[in-house]
Amino acid sequence: MTSPAPAPSTSVELAVEGMHCGSCVALVEETLGEQDGVTHASVDLDAARAVVDYDPARIDVDALTAAVAEVGYVAIPVG
């Protein structure tokens, strides 16, 4: 018996405005990571960027940026 194929994943880089400390990073990273369809989220304070791996069949970039906005930051897709 073979295991099911992994869900297709894509990545997006977001510029995140308003972060100023490690707690901000942790909140944004946790918020993104909790979204249905997100497989990995990594946030870099110095670069003011988040890289999110997600299943586009379950969540889209607009929902990711909205989730970040709900916790008080602005996220804008890069590129």
N, C-alpha and C. Protein backbone atom coordinates (compact mmCIF):
# COMPACT_ATOMS: atom_id res chain seq x y z
N MET A 1 0.84 -1.18 0.00
CA MET A 1 0.00 0.00 0.00
C MET A 1 0.89 1.24 0.00
N THR A 2 0.61 2.16 -0.88
CA THR A 2 1.41 3.39 -0.95
C THR A 2 0.70 4.50 -0.19
N SER A 3 1.50 5.41 0.32
CA SER A 3 0.92 6.55 1.02
C SER A 3 0.43 7.57 0.00
N PRO A 4 -0.56 8.37 0.37
CA PRO A 4 -1.06 9.37 -0.57
C PRO A 4 0.01 10.40 -0.90
N ALA A 5 -0.08 10.95 -2.08
CA ALA A 5 0.88 11.97 -2.50
C ALA A 5 0.70 13.20 -1.63
N PRO A 6 1.81 13.87 -1.30
CA PRO A 6 1.68 15.08 -0.49
C PRO A 6 0.91 16.15 -1.26
N ALA A 7 0.22 17.00 -0.53
CA ALA A 7 -0.53 18.08 -1.16
C ALA A 7 0.44 19.02 -1.87
N PRO A 8 0.01 19.56 -3.00
CA PRO A 8 0.89 20.51 -3.69
C PRO A 8 1.12 21.72 -2.79
N SER A 9 2.33 22.21 -2.81
CA SER A 9 2.67 23.33 -1.94
C SER A 9 3.29 24.43 -2.79
N THR A 10 3.03 25.63 -2.39
CA THR A 10 3.65 26.78 -3.03
C THR A 10 4.16 27.70 -1.93
N SER A 11 4.98 28.64 -2.30
CA SER A 11 5.56 29.57 -1.33
C SER A 11 5.24 31.00 -1.72
N VAL A 12 5.13 31.84 -0.71
CA VAL A 12 4.99 33.27 -0.96
C VAL A 12 5.87 34.00 0.04
N GLU A 13 6.47 35.08 -0.42
CA GLU A 13 7.23 35.95 0.48
C GLU A 13 6.39 37.19 0.73
N LEU A 14 6.25 37.54 1.99
CA LEU A 14 5.48 38.71 2.37
C LEU A 14 6.37 39.73 3.06
N ALA A 15 6.24 40.99 2.69
CA ALA A 15 6.87 42.07 3.45
C ALA A 15 5.92 42.36 4.60
N VAL A 16 6.43 42.37 5.82
CA VAL A 16 5.59 42.59 6.99
C VAL A 16 6.00 43.90 7.66
N GLU A 17 5.06 44.82 7.71
CA GLU A 17 5.31 46.14 8.29
C GLU A 17 4.82 46.19 9.73
N GLY A 18 5.57 46.84 10.59
CA GLY A 18 5.14 47.10 11.96
C GLY A 18 5.80 46.23 13.02
N MET A 19 6.59 45.25 12.62
CA MET A 19 7.27 44.41 13.62
C MET A 19 8.48 45.16 14.16
N HIS A 20 8.67 45.08 15.48
CA HIS A 20 9.82 45.76 16.07
C HIS A 20 10.57 44.93 17.11
N CYS A 21 10.10 43.69 17.37
CA CYS A 21 10.78 42.88 18.38
C CYS A 21 10.51 41.39 18.15
N GLY A 22 11.16 40.58 18.94
CA GLY A 22 11.00 39.14 18.83
C GLY A 22 9.57 38.67 19.11
N SER A 23 8.87 39.37 19.99
CA SER A 23 7.48 39.01 20.27
C SER A 23 6.60 39.24 19.04
N CYS A 24 6.88 40.30 18.31
CA CYS A 24 6.14 40.56 17.07
C CYS A 24 6.36 39.42 16.08
N VAL A 25 7.61 39.03 15.94
CA VAL A 25 7.96 37.93 15.03
C VAL A 25 7.23 36.66 15.44
N ALA A 26 7.26 36.35 16.73
CA ALA A 26 6.60 35.13 17.21
C ALA A 26 5.10 35.16 16.95
N LEU A 27 4.47 36.31 17.14
CA LEU A 27 3.03 36.42 16.92
C LEU A 27 2.68 36.23 15.45
N VAL A 28 3.43 36.88 14.56
CA VAL A 28 3.16 36.76 13.13
C VAL A 28 3.42 35.33 12.67
N GLU A 29 4.52 34.74 13.10
CA GLU A 29 4.86 33.38 12.71
C GLU A 29 3.80 32.39 13.21
N GLU A 30 3.39 32.55 14.45
CA GLU A 30 2.36 31.66 15.01
C GLU A 30 1.03 31.83 14.27
N THR A 31 0.66 33.06 14.00
CA THR A 31 -0.60 33.34 13.31
C THR A 31 -0.60 32.70 11.93
N LEU A 32 0.47 32.89 11.19
CA LEU A 32 0.54 32.29 9.85
C LEU A 32 0.54 30.77 9.94
N GLY A 33 1.31 30.23 10.87
CA GLY A 33 1.42 28.78 11.01
C GLY A 33 0.12 28.10 11.39
N GLU A 34 -0.77 28.82 12.04
CA GLU A 34 -2.05 28.26 12.47
C GLU A 34 -3.11 28.25 11.37
N GLN A 35 -2.84 28.90 10.25
CA GLN A 35 -3.84 28.96 9.19
C GLN A 35 -3.98 27.60 8.50
N ASP A 36 -5.22 27.21 8.24
CA ASP A 36 -5.49 25.95 7.56
C ASP A 36 -4.85 25.97 6.17
N GLY A 37 -4.01 25.01 5.89
CA GLY A 37 -3.34 24.93 4.60
C GLY A 37 -1.89 25.39 4.63
N VAL A 38 -1.47 26.03 5.72
CA VAL A 38 -0.07 26.47 5.84
C VAL A 38 0.75 25.30 6.38
N THR A 39 1.83 24.99 5.66
CA THR A 39 2.70 23.89 6.09
C THR A 39 3.93 24.39 6.83
N HIS A 40 4.33 25.64 6.57
CA HIS A 40 5.50 26.21 7.25
C HIS A 40 5.47 27.72 7.10
N ALA A 41 5.85 28.42 8.17
CA ALA A 41 5.97 29.87 8.13
C ALA A 41 7.23 30.27 8.87
N SER A 42 8.01 31.14 8.26
CA SER A 42 9.24 31.63 8.86
C SER A 42 9.27 33.15 8.72
N VAL A 43 9.53 33.83 9.82
CA VAL A 43 9.52 35.30 9.83
C VAL A 43 10.89 35.81 10.24
N ASP A 44 11.39 36.81 9.52
CA ASP A 44 12.70 37.40 9.77
C ASP A 44 12.51 38.88 10.13
N LEU A 45 12.82 39.23 11.37
CA LEU A 45 12.64 40.60 11.85
C LEU A 45 13.52 41.58 11.08
N ASP A 46 14.79 41.27 10.93
CA ASP A 46 15.73 42.19 10.29
C ASP A 46 15.34 42.49 8.84
N ALA A 47 14.88 41.49 8.14
CA ALA A 47 14.47 41.67 6.74
C ALA A 47 13.03 42.15 6.63
N ALA A 48 12.27 42.09 7.73
CA ALA A 48 10.84 42.42 7.74
C ALA A 48 10.10 41.60 6.69
N ARG A 49 10.40 40.29 6.68
CA ARG A 49 9.82 39.39 5.69
C ARG A 49 9.31 38.12 6.35
N ALA A 50 8.30 37.54 5.72
CA ALA A 50 7.81 36.22 6.10
C ALA A 50 7.80 35.36 4.85
N VAL A 51 8.22 34.12 4.98
CA VAL A 51 8.12 33.16 3.89
C VAL A 51 7.15 32.09 4.36
N VAL A 52 6.12 31.86 3.55
CA VAL A 52 5.06 30.95 3.93
C VAL A 52 4.90 29.88 2.86
N ASP A 53 4.97 28.61 3.27
CA ASP A 53 4.67 27.49 2.39
C ASP A 53 3.23 27.08 2.68
N TYR A 54 2.44 26.94 1.63
CA TYR A 54 1.02 26.67 1.83
C TYR A 54 0.44 25.87 0.66
N ASP A 55 -0.72 25.29 0.92
CA ASP A 55 -1.46 24.54 -0.10
C ASP A 55 -2.47 25.50 -0.72
N PRO A 56 -2.28 25.88 -1.98
CA PRO A 56 -3.16 26.86 -2.61
C PRO A 56 -4.60 26.38 -2.78
N ALA A 57 -4.83 25.08 -2.63
CA ALA A 57 -6.19 24.56 -2.70
C ALA A 57 -6.95 24.82 -1.40
N ARG A 58 -6.21 25.15 -0.33
CA ARG A 58 -6.83 25.33 0.98
C ARG A 58 -6.80 26.77 1.48
N ILE A 59 -5.85 27.57 1.02
CA ILE A 59 -5.73 28.96 1.47
C ILE A 59 -5.05 29.76 0.37
N ASP A 60 -5.35 31.06 0.32
CA ASP A 60 -4.71 31.91 -0.69
C ASP A 60 -3.96 33.06 -0.01
N VAL A 61 -3.25 33.80 -0.81
CA VAL A 61 -2.41 34.88 -0.29
C VAL A 61 -3.26 35.95 0.40
N ASP A 62 -4.44 36.24 -0.14
CA ASP A 62 -5.31 37.23 0.49
C ASP A 62 -5.68 36.82 1.91
N ALA A 63 -5.95 35.54 2.12
CA ALA A 63 -6.28 35.05 3.46
C ALA A 63 -5.08 35.14 4.40
N LEU A 64 -3.88 34.91 3.87
CA LEU A 64 -2.66 35.02 4.68
C LEU A 64 -2.45 36.47 5.12
N THR A 65 -2.58 37.41 4.19
CA THR A 65 -2.38 38.82 4.55
C THR A 65 -3.48 39.29 5.50
N ALA A 66 -4.70 38.78 5.34
CA ALA A 66 -5.79 39.14 6.25
C ALA A 66 -5.52 38.63 7.66
N ALA A 67 -4.97 37.43 7.77
CA ALA A 67 -4.65 36.86 9.09
C ALA A 67 -3.60 37.72 9.79
N VAL A 68 -2.61 38.18 9.05
CA VAL A 68 -1.58 39.05 9.63
C VAL A 68 -2.20 40.39 10.05
N ALA A 69 -3.10 40.91 9.24
CA ALA A 69 -3.77 42.17 9.57
C ALA A 69 -4.59 42.05 10.85
N GLU A 70 -5.19 40.89 11.07
CA GLU A 70 -6.00 40.67 12.26
C GLU A 70 -5.20 40.79 13.55
N VAL A 71 -3.89 40.55 13.49
CA VAL A 71 -3.05 40.68 14.69
C VAL A 71 -2.27 41.99 14.70
N GLY A 72 -2.62 42.91 13.78
CA GLY A 72 -2.09 44.27 13.86
C GLY A 72 -0.92 44.65 12.98
N TYR A 73 -0.62 43.84 11.97
CA TYR A 73 0.50 44.14 11.08
C TYR A 73 0.01 44.19 9.64
N VAL A 74 0.83 44.75 8.78
CA VAL A 74 0.49 44.82 7.36
C VAL A 74 1.42 43.87 6.62
N ALA A 75 0.85 42.97 5.84
CA ALA A 75 1.64 42.05 5.02
C ALA A 75 1.32 42.27 3.56
N ILE A 76 2.38 42.41 2.78
CA ILE A 76 2.23 42.68 1.34
C ILE A 76 3.06 41.67 0.59
N PRO A 77 2.46 40.96 -0.38
CA PRO A 77 3.24 40.00 -1.18
C PRO A 77 4.40 40.70 -1.89
N VAL A 78 5.55 40.03 -1.91
CA VAL A 78 6.73 40.57 -2.57
C VAL A 78 6.83 39.91 -3.94
N GLY A 79 7.05 40.72 -4.96
CA GLY A 79 7.26 40.17 -6.30
C GLY A 79 6.07 40.08 -7.15
